[in-house]
Amino acid sequence: MWDNLGKTYSDMVQGILLLNDNIITSGTVEKFFSVKPRVRINIKYQLGFDSKFNKRKILHSTSYKKAVEMGAIQEFYA
């Protein structure tokens, strides 16, 4: 089920809520059958990097550099 719903919605929020959907490390999908059909997305942000590899990968990504340039996010120093 993640392939169908999770990937679709992670692609949709890319560039809006996430710099790039390739930094998603886990996710769950639940279907709610009711009178009011809906999709609920919960996003939890990490306060730091989980590894030196991922830090380097993100800080050197085009999407990160573009977001800093546009003022959408502050540049990470440390």
PDB file of N, CA and C in Angstrom:
ATOM      1  N   MET A   1       0.813  -1.186   0.000  1.00  0.00           N
ATOM      2  CA  MET A   1       0.000   0.000   0.000  1.00  0.00           C
ATOM      3  C   MET A   1       0.868   1.266   0.000  1.00  0.00           C
ATOM      4  N   TRP A   2       2.043   1.250   0.619  1.00  0.00           N
ATOM      5  CA  TRP A   2       2.914   2.430   0.626  1.00  0.00           C
ATOM      6  C   TRP A   2       3.264   2.854  -0.790  1.00  0.00           C
ATOM      7  N   ASP A   3       3.534   1.891  -1.663  1.00  0.00           N
ATOM      8  CA  ASP A   3       3.912   2.229  -3.031  1.00  0.00           C
ATOM      9  C   ASP A   3       2.876   3.114  -3.707  1.00  0.00           C
ATOM     10  N   ASN A   4       1.607   2.809  -3.501  1.00  0.00           N
ATOM     11  CA  ASN A   4       0.547   3.564  -4.175  1.00  0.00           C
ATOM     12  C   ASN A   4       0.263   4.910  -3.522  1.00  0.00           C
ATOM     13  N   LEU A   5      -0.033   4.915  -2.253  1.00  0.00           N
ATOM     14  CA  LEU A   5      -0.416   6.156  -1.573  1.00  0.00           C
ATOM     15  C   LEU A   5       0.768   6.956  -1.054  1.00  0.00           C
ATOM     16  N   GLY A   6       1.641   6.306  -0.316  1.00  0.00           N
ATOM     17  CA  GLY A   6       2.759   7.007   0.310  1.00  0.00           C
ATOM     18  C   GLY A   6       3.667   7.680  -0.690  1.00  0.00           C
ATOM     19  N   LYS A   7       4.022   6.976  -1.718  1.00  0.00           N
ATOM     20  CA  LYS A   7       4.919   7.545  -2.730  1.00  0.00           C
ATOM     21  C   LYS A   7       4.247   8.684  -3.486  1.00  0.00           C
ATOM     22  N   THR A   8       2.981   8.526  -3.781  1.00  0.00           N
ATOM     23  CA  THR A   8       2.247   9.584  -4.484  1.00  0.00           C
ATOM     24  C   THR A   8       2.236  10.876  -3.672  1.00  0.00           C
ATOM     25  N   TYR A   9       1.895  10.765  -2.400  1.00  0.00           N
ATOM     26  CA  TYR A   9       1.820  11.962  -1.562  1.00  0.00           C
ATOM     27  C   TYR A   9       3.191  12.517  -1.207  1.00  0.00           C
ATOM     28  N   SER A  10       4.193  11.669  -1.064  1.00  0.00           N
ATOM     29  CA  SER A  10       5.529  12.203  -0.796  1.00  0.00           C
ATOM     30  C   SER A  10       6.057  12.955  -2.019  1.00  0.00           C
ATOM     31  N   ASP A  11       5.687  12.511  -3.202  1.00  0.00           N
ATOM     32  CA  ASP A  11       6.044  13.259  -4.417  1.00  0.00           C
ATOM     33  C   ASP A  11       5.330  14.609  -4.464  1.00  0.00           C
ATOM     34  N   MET A  12       4.069  14.629  -4.009  1.00  0.00           N
ATOM     35  CA  MET A  12       3.274  15.861  -4.046  1.00  0.00           C
ATOM     36  C   MET A  12       3.820  16.939  -3.114  1.00  0.00           C
ATOM     37  N   VAL A  13       4.346  16.567  -1.955  1.00  0.00           N
ATOM     38  CA  VAL A  13       4.822  17.567  -0.995  1.00  0.00           C
ATOM     39  C   VAL A  13       6.296  17.914  -1.202  1.00  0.00           C
ATOM     40  N   GLN A  14       6.918  17.244  -2.151  1.00  0.00           N
ATOM     41  CA  GLN A  14       8.325  17.527  -2.438  1.00  0.00           C
ATOM     42  C   GLN A  14       8.458  18.957  -2.943  1.00  0.00           C
ATOM     43  N   GLY A  15       9.383  19.687  -2.380  1.00  0.00           N
ATOM     44  CA  GLY A  15       9.582  21.068  -2.767  1.00  0.00           C
ATOM     45  C   GLY A  15       8.677  22.030  -2.009  1.00  0.00           C
ATOM     46  N   ILE A  16       7.698  21.492  -1.257  1.00  0.00           N
ATOM     47  CA  ILE A  16       6.796  22.331  -0.472  1.00  0.00           C
ATOM     48  C   ILE A  16       7.050  22.102   1.017  1.00  0.00           C
ATOM     49  N   LEU A  17       6.878  20.871   1.449  1.00  0.00           N
ATOM     50  CA  LEU A  17       7.134  20.520   2.852  1.00  0.00           C
ATOM     51  C   LEU A  17       8.468  19.818   3.034  1.00  0.00           C
ATOM     52  N   LEU A  18       8.972  19.223   1.991  1.00  0.00           N
ATOM     53  CA  LEU A  18      10.252  18.508   2.020  1.00  0.00           C
ATOM     54  C   LEU A  18      11.128  19.022   0.889  1.00  0.00           C
ATOM     55  N   LEU A  19      12.419  19.103   1.133  1.00  0.00           N
ATOM     56  CA  LEU A  19      13.319  19.477   0.043  1.00  0.00           C
ATOM     57  C   LEU A  19      13.292  18.422  -1.053  1.00  0.00           C
ATOM     58  N   ASN A  20      13.375  17.187  -0.625  1.00  0.00           N
ATOM     59  CA  ASN A  20      13.415  16.089  -1.581  1.00  0.00           C
ATOM     60  C   ASN A  20      12.851  14.862  -0.890  1.00  0.00           C
ATOM     61  N   ASP A  21      12.044  14.103  -1.595  1.00  0.00           N
ATOM     62  CA  ASP A  21      11.413  12.949  -0.952  1.00  0.00           C
ATOM     63  C   ASP A  21      12.388  11.793  -0.738  1.00  0.00           C
ATOM     64  N   ASN A  22      13.608  11.918  -1.224  1.00  0.00           N
ATOM     65  CA  ASN A  22      14.575  10.841  -0.992  1.00  0.00           C
ATOM     66  C   ASN A  22      15.142  10.858   0.426  1.00  0.00           C
ATOM     67  N   ILE A  23      14.791  11.856   1.232  1.00  0.00           N
ATOM     68  CA  ILE A  23      15.270  11.889   2.613  1.00  0.00           C
ATOM     69  C   ILE A  23      14.272  11.252   3.583  1.00  0.00           C
ATOM     70  N   ILE A  24      13.163  10.747   3.066  1.00  0.00           N
ATOM     71  CA  ILE A  24      12.186  10.057   3.914  1.00  0.00           C
ATOM     72  C   ILE A  24      12.780   8.715   4.335  1.00  0.00           C
ATOM     73  N   THR A  25      12.815   8.478   5.628  1.00  0.00           N
ATOM     74  CA  THR A  25      13.408   7.234   6.122  1.00  0.00           C
ATOM     75  C   THR A  25      12.377   6.189   6.503  1.00  0.00           C
ATOM     76  N   SER A  26      11.160   6.622   6.805  1.00  0.00           N
ATOM     77  CA  SER A  26      10.107   5.654   7.110  1.00  0.00           C
ATOM     78  C   SER A  26       8.749   6.307   6.912  1.00  0.00           C
ATOM     79  N   GLY A  27       7.749   5.476   6.758  1.00  0.00           N
ATOM     80  CA  GLY A  27       6.404   5.994   6.574  1.00  0.00           C
ATOM     81  C   GLY A  27       5.380   4.901   6.791  1.00  0.00           C
ATOM     82  N   THR A  28       4.188   5.318   7.126  1.00  0.00           N
ATOM     83  CA  THR A  28       3.084   4.379   7.272  1.00  0.00           C
ATOM     84  C   THR A  28       1.874   4.943   6.545  1.00  0.00           C
ATOM     85  N   VAL A  29       1.040   4.054   6.082  1.00  0.00           N
ATOM     86  CA  VAL A  29      -0.182   4.453   5.396  1.00  0.00           C
ATOM     87  C   VAL A  29      -1.336   3.711   6.035  1.00  0.00           C
ATOM     88  N   GLU A  30      -2.395   4.440   6.351  1.00  0.00           N
ATOM     89  CA  GLU A  30      -3.607   3.838   6.884  1.00  0.00           C
ATOM     90  C   GLU A  30      -4.784   4.323   6.049  1.00  0.00           C
ATOM     91  N   LYS A  31      -5.687   3.433   5.755  1.00  0.00           N
ATOM     92  CA  LYS A  31      -6.894   3.811   5.030  1.00  0.00           C
ATOM     93  C   LYS A  31      -8.022   4.010   6.025  1.00  0.00           C
ATOM     94  N   PHE A  32      -8.765   5.095   5.830  1.00  0.00           N
ATOM     95  CA  PHE A  32      -9.925   5.376   6.659  1.00  0.00           C
ATOM     96  C   PHE A  32     -11.161   5.347   5.774  1.00  0.00           C
ATOM     97  N   PHE A  33     -12.006   4.377   5.985  1.00  0.00           N
ATOM     98  CA  PHE A  33     -13.242   4.275   5.231  1.00  0.00           C
ATOM     99  C   PHE A  33     -14.341   4.935   6.049  1.00  0.00           C
ATOM    100  N   SER A  34     -14.908   6.010   5.519  1.00  0.00           N
ATOM    101  CA  SER A  34     -15.936   6.734   6.252  1.00  0.00           C
ATOM    102  C   SER A  34     -16.797   7.518   5.272  1.00  0.00           C
ATOM    103  N   VAL A  35     -17.724   8.261   5.832  1.00  0.00           N
ATOM    104  CA  VAL A  35     -18.584   9.119   5.026  1.00  0.00           C
ATOM    105  C   VAL A  35     -17.765  10.253   4.408  1.00  0.00           C
ATOM    106  N   LYS A  36     -16.723  10.652   5.107  1.00  0.00           N
ATOM    107  CA  LYS A  36     -15.857  11.746   4.647  1.00  0.00           C
ATOM    108  C   LYS A  36     -14.482  11.170   4.283  1.00  0.00           C
ATOM    109  N   PRO A  37     -14.297  10.737   3.031  1.00  0.00           N
ATOM    110  CA  PRO A  37     -13.000  10.179   2.626  1.00  0.00           C
ATOM    111  C   PRO A  37     -11.898  11.232   2.770  1.00  0.00           C
ATOM    112  N   ARG A  38     -10.737  10.794   3.204  1.00  0.00           N
ATOM    113  CA  ARG A  38      -9.651  11.743   3.422  1.00  0.00           C
ATOM    114  C   ARG A  38      -8.307  11.039   3.452  1.00  0.00           C
ATOM    115  N   VAL A  39      -7.291  11.855   3.332  1.00  0.00           N
ATOM    116  CA  VAL A  39      -5.919  11.401   3.516  1.00  0.00           C
ATOM    117  C   VAL A  39      -5.323  12.287   4.590  1.00  0.00           C
ATOM    118  N   ARG A  40      -4.679  11.658   5.551  1.00  0.00           N
ATOM    119  CA  ARG A  40      -4.033  12.401   6.626  1.00  0.00           C
ATOM    120  C   ARG A  40      -2.544  12.144   6.534  1.00  0.00           C
ATOM    121  N   ILE A  41      -1.779  13.223   6.540  1.00  0.00           N
ATOM    122  CA  ILE A  41      -0.322  13.119   6.453  1.00  0.00           C
ATOM    123  C   ILE A  41       0.272  13.717   7.723  1.00  0.00           C
ATOM    124  N   ASN A  42       1.063  12.943   8.427  1.00  0.00           N
ATOM    125  CA  ASN A  42       1.787  13.426   9.601  1.00  0.00           C
ATOM    126  C   ASN A  42       3.259  13.459   9.247  1.00  0.00           C
ATOM    127  N   ILE A  43       3.878  14.599   9.475  1.00  0.00           N
ATOM    128  CA  ILE A  43       5.302  14.743   9.176  1.00  0.00           C
ATOM    129  C   ILE A  43       6.027  15.090  10.460  1.00  0.00           C
ATOM    130  N   LYS A  44       7.074  14.346  10.748  1.00  0.00           N
ATOM    131  CA  LYS A  44       7.924  14.620  11.904  1.00  0.00           C
ATOM    132  C   LYS A  44       9.311  14.960  11.364  1.00  0.00           C
ATOM    133  N   TYR A  45       9.799  16.111  11.736  1.00  0.00           N
ATOM    134  CA  TYR A  45      11.113  16.542  11.283  1.00  0.00           C
ATOM    135  C   TYR A  45      12.178  16.148  12.288  1.00  0.00           C
ATOM    136  N   GLN A  46      13.304  15.723  11.786  1.00  0.00           N
ATOM    137  CA  GLN A  46      14.453  15.441  12.633  1.00  0.00           C
ATOM    138  C   GLN A  46      15.155  16.748  12.935  1.00  0.00           C
ATOM    139  N   LEU A  47      15.695  16.877  14.116  1.00  0.00           N
ATOM    140  CA  LEU A  47      16.397  18.097  14.491  1.00  0.00           C
ATOM    141  C   LEU A  47      17.839  18.103  14.005  1.00  0.00           C
ATOM    142  N   GLY A  48      18.346  16.970  13.628  1.00  0.00           N
ATOM    143  CA  GLY A  48      19.717  16.889  13.148  1.00  0.00           C
ATOM    144  C   GLY A  48      19.845  15.804  12.092  1.00  0.00           C
ATOM    145  N   PHE A  49      21.046  15.576  11.668  1.00  0.00           N
ATOM    146  CA  PHE A  49      21.311  14.545  10.665  1.00  0.00           C
ATOM    147  C   PHE A  49      21.582  13.216  11.352  1.00  0.00           C
ATOM    148  N   ASP A  50      21.155  12.151  10.726  1.00  0.00           N
ATOM    149  CA  ASP A  50      21.339  10.826  11.322  1.00  0.00           C
ATOM    150  C   ASP A  50      22.694  10.216  10.993  1.00  0.00           C
ATOM    151  N   SER A  51      23.388  10.786  10.012  1.00  0.00           N
ATOM    152  CA  SER A  51      24.719  10.285   9.664  1.00  0.00           C
ATOM    153  C   SER A  51      25.479  11.357   8.881  1.00  0.00           C
ATOM    154  N   LYS A  52      26.789  11.237   8.862  1.00  0.00           N
ATOM    155  CA  LYS A  52      27.612  12.178   8.090  1.00  0.00           C
ATOM    156  C   LYS A  52      27.322  12.052   6.604  1.00  0.00           C
ATOM    157  N   PHE A  53      27.028  10.840   6.151  1.00  0.00           N
ATOM    158  CA  PHE A  53      26.720  10.609   4.743  1.00  0.00           C
ATOM    159  C   PHE A  53      25.473  11.395   4.330  1.00  0.00           C
ATOM    160  N   ASN A  54      24.386  11.281   5.123  1.00  0.00           N
ATOM    161  CA  ASN A  54      23.146  11.978   4.786  1.00  0.00           C
ATOM    162  C   ASN A  54      23.286  13.489   4.916  1.00  0.00           C
ATOM    163  N   LYS A  55      24.079  13.948   5.874  1.00  0.00           N
ATOM    164  CA  LYS A  55      24.334  15.379   6.008  1.00  0.00           C
ATOM    165  C   LYS A  55      24.995  15.916   4.742  1.00  0.00           C
ATOM    166  N   ARG A  56      26.017  15.249   4.302  1.00  0.00           N
ATOM    167  CA  ARG A  56      26.732  15.665   3.097  1.00  0.00           C
ATOM    168  C   ARG A  56      25.818  15.598   1.873  1.00  0.00           C
ATOM    169  N   LYS A  57      25.043  14.532   1.791  1.00  0.00           N
ATOM    170  CA  LYS A  57      24.129  14.332   0.662  1.00  0.00           C
ATOM    171  C   LYS A  57      23.109  15.475   0.565  1.00  0.00           C
ATOM    172  N   ILE A  58      22.533  15.858   1.695  1.00  0.00           N
ATOM    173  CA  ILE A  58      21.514  16.905   1.706  1.00  0.00           C
ATOM    174  C   ILE A  58      22.130  18.277   1.473  1.00  0.00           C
ATOM    175  N   LEU A  59      23.207  18.597   2.179  1.00  0.00           N
ATOM    176  CA  LEU A  59      23.805  19.925   2.061  1.00  0.00           C
ATOM    177  C   LEU A  59      24.386  20.201   0.684  1.00  0.00           C
ATOM    178  N   HIS A  60      24.711  19.174  -0.059  1.00  0.00           N
ATOM    179  CA  HIS A  60      25.244  19.358  -1.405  1.00  0.00           C
ATOM    180  C   HIS A  60      24.193  19.162  -2.499  1.00  0.00           C
ATOM    181  N   SER A  61      22.958  18.928  -2.099  1.00  0.00           N
ATOM    182  CA  SER A  61      21.911  18.697  -3.099  1.00  0.00           C
ATOM    183  C   SER A  61      21.475  20.008  -3.756  1.00  0.00           C
ATOM    184  N   THR A  62      21.043  19.916  -4.967  1.00  0.00           N
ATOM    185  CA  THR A  62      20.559  21.075  -5.708  1.00  0.00           C
ATOM    186  C   THR A  62      19.333  21.680  -5.042  1.00  0.00           C
ATOM    187  N   SER A  63      18.432  20.842  -4.560  1.00  0.00           N
ATOM    188  CA  SER A  63      17.203  21.351  -3.946  1.00  0.00           C
ATOM    189  C   SER A  63      17.507  22.131  -2.666  1.00  0.00           C
ATOM    190  N   TYR A  64      18.486  21.692  -1.891  1.00  0.00           N
ATOM    191  CA  TYR A  64      18.878  22.414  -0.681  1.00  0.00           C
ATOM    192  C   TYR A  64      19.465  23.774  -1.040  1.00  0.00           C
ATOM    193  N   LYS A  65      20.387  23.783  -1.982  1.00  0.00           N
ATOM    194  CA  LYS A  65      21.033  25.036  -2.385  1.00  0.00           C
ATOM    195  C   LYS A  65      20.018  26.022  -2.953  1.00  0.00           C
ATOM    196  N   LYS A  66      19.055  25.519  -3.713  1.00  0.00           N
ATOM    197  CA  LYS A  66      18.018  26.377  -4.288  1.00  0.00           C
ATOM    198  C   LYS A  66      17.124  26.952  -3.190  1.00  0.00           C
ATOM    199  N   ALA A  67      16.754  26.136  -2.204  1.00  0.00           N
ATOM    200  CA  ALA A  67      15.903  26.601  -1.106  1.00  0.00           C
ATOM    201  C   ALA A  67      16.603  27.675  -0.286  1.00  0.00           C
ATOM    202  N   VAL A  68      17.911  27.526  -0.047  1.00  0.00           N
ATOM    203  CA  VAL A  68      18.681  28.530   0.687  1.00  0.00           C
ATOM    204  C   VAL A  68      18.737  29.818  -0.128  1.00  0.00           C
ATOM    205  N   GLU A  69      18.989  29.689  -1.409  1.00  0.00           N
ATOM    206  CA  GLU A  69      19.094  30.849  -2.299  1.00  0.00           C
ATOM    207  C   GLU A  69      17.778  31.639  -2.347  1.00  0.00           C
ATOM    208  N   MET A  70      16.666  30.933  -2.344  1.00  0.00           N
ATOM    209  CA  MET A  70      15.349  31.573  -2.407  1.00  0.00           C
ATOM    210  C   MET A  70      14.911  32.108  -1.046  1.00  0.00           C
ATOM    211  N   GLY A  71      15.630  31.754   0.013  1.00  0.00           N
ATOM    212  CA  GLY A  71      15.271  32.199   1.354  1.00  0.00           C
ATOM    213  C   GLY A  71      14.193  31.352   2.008  1.00  0.00           C
ATOM    214  N   ALA A  72      13.905  30.200   1.412  1.00  0.00           N
ATOM    215  CA  ALA A  72      12.872  29.311   1.965  1.00  0.00           C
ATOM    216  C   ALA A  72      13.349  28.647   3.261  1.00  0.00           C
ATOM    217  N   ILE A  73      14.644  28.417   3.372  1.00  0.00           N
ATOM    218  CA  ILE A  73      15.226  27.833   4.577  1.00  0.00           C
ATOM    219  C   ILE A  73      16.526  28.562   4.892  1.00  0.00           C
ATOM    220  N   GLN A  74      16.960  28.468   6.139  1.00  0.00           N
ATOM    221  CA  GLN A  74      18.239  29.044   6.517  1.00  0.00           C
ATOM    222  C   GLN A  74      19.337  28.014   6.273  1.00  0.00           C
ATOM    223  N   GLU A  75      20.491  28.521   5.888  1.00  0.00           N
ATOM    224  CA  GLU A  75      21.612  27.610   5.643  1.00  0.00           C
ATOM    225  C   GLU A  75      22.055  26.969   6.946  1.00  0.00           C
ATOM    226  N   PHE A  76      22.357  25.667   6.870  1.00  0.00           N
ATOM    227  CA  PHE A  76      22.772  24.903   8.040  1.00  0.00           C
ATOM    228  C   PHE A  76      24.271  25.051   8.235  1.00  0.00           C
ATOM    229  N   TYR A  77      24.668  25.461   9.427  1.00  0.00           N
ATOM    230  CA  TYR A  77      26.095  25.556   9.772  1.00  0.00           C
ATOM    231  C   TYR A  77      26.347  24.636  10.957  1.00  0.00           C
ATOM    232  N   ALA A  78      27.404  23.894  10.893  1.00  0.00           N
ATOM    233  CA  ALA A  78      27.848  23.065  12.019  1.00  0.00           C
ATOM    234  C   ALA A  78      28.665  21.914  11.512  1.00  0.00           C
TER     235      ALA A  78
END
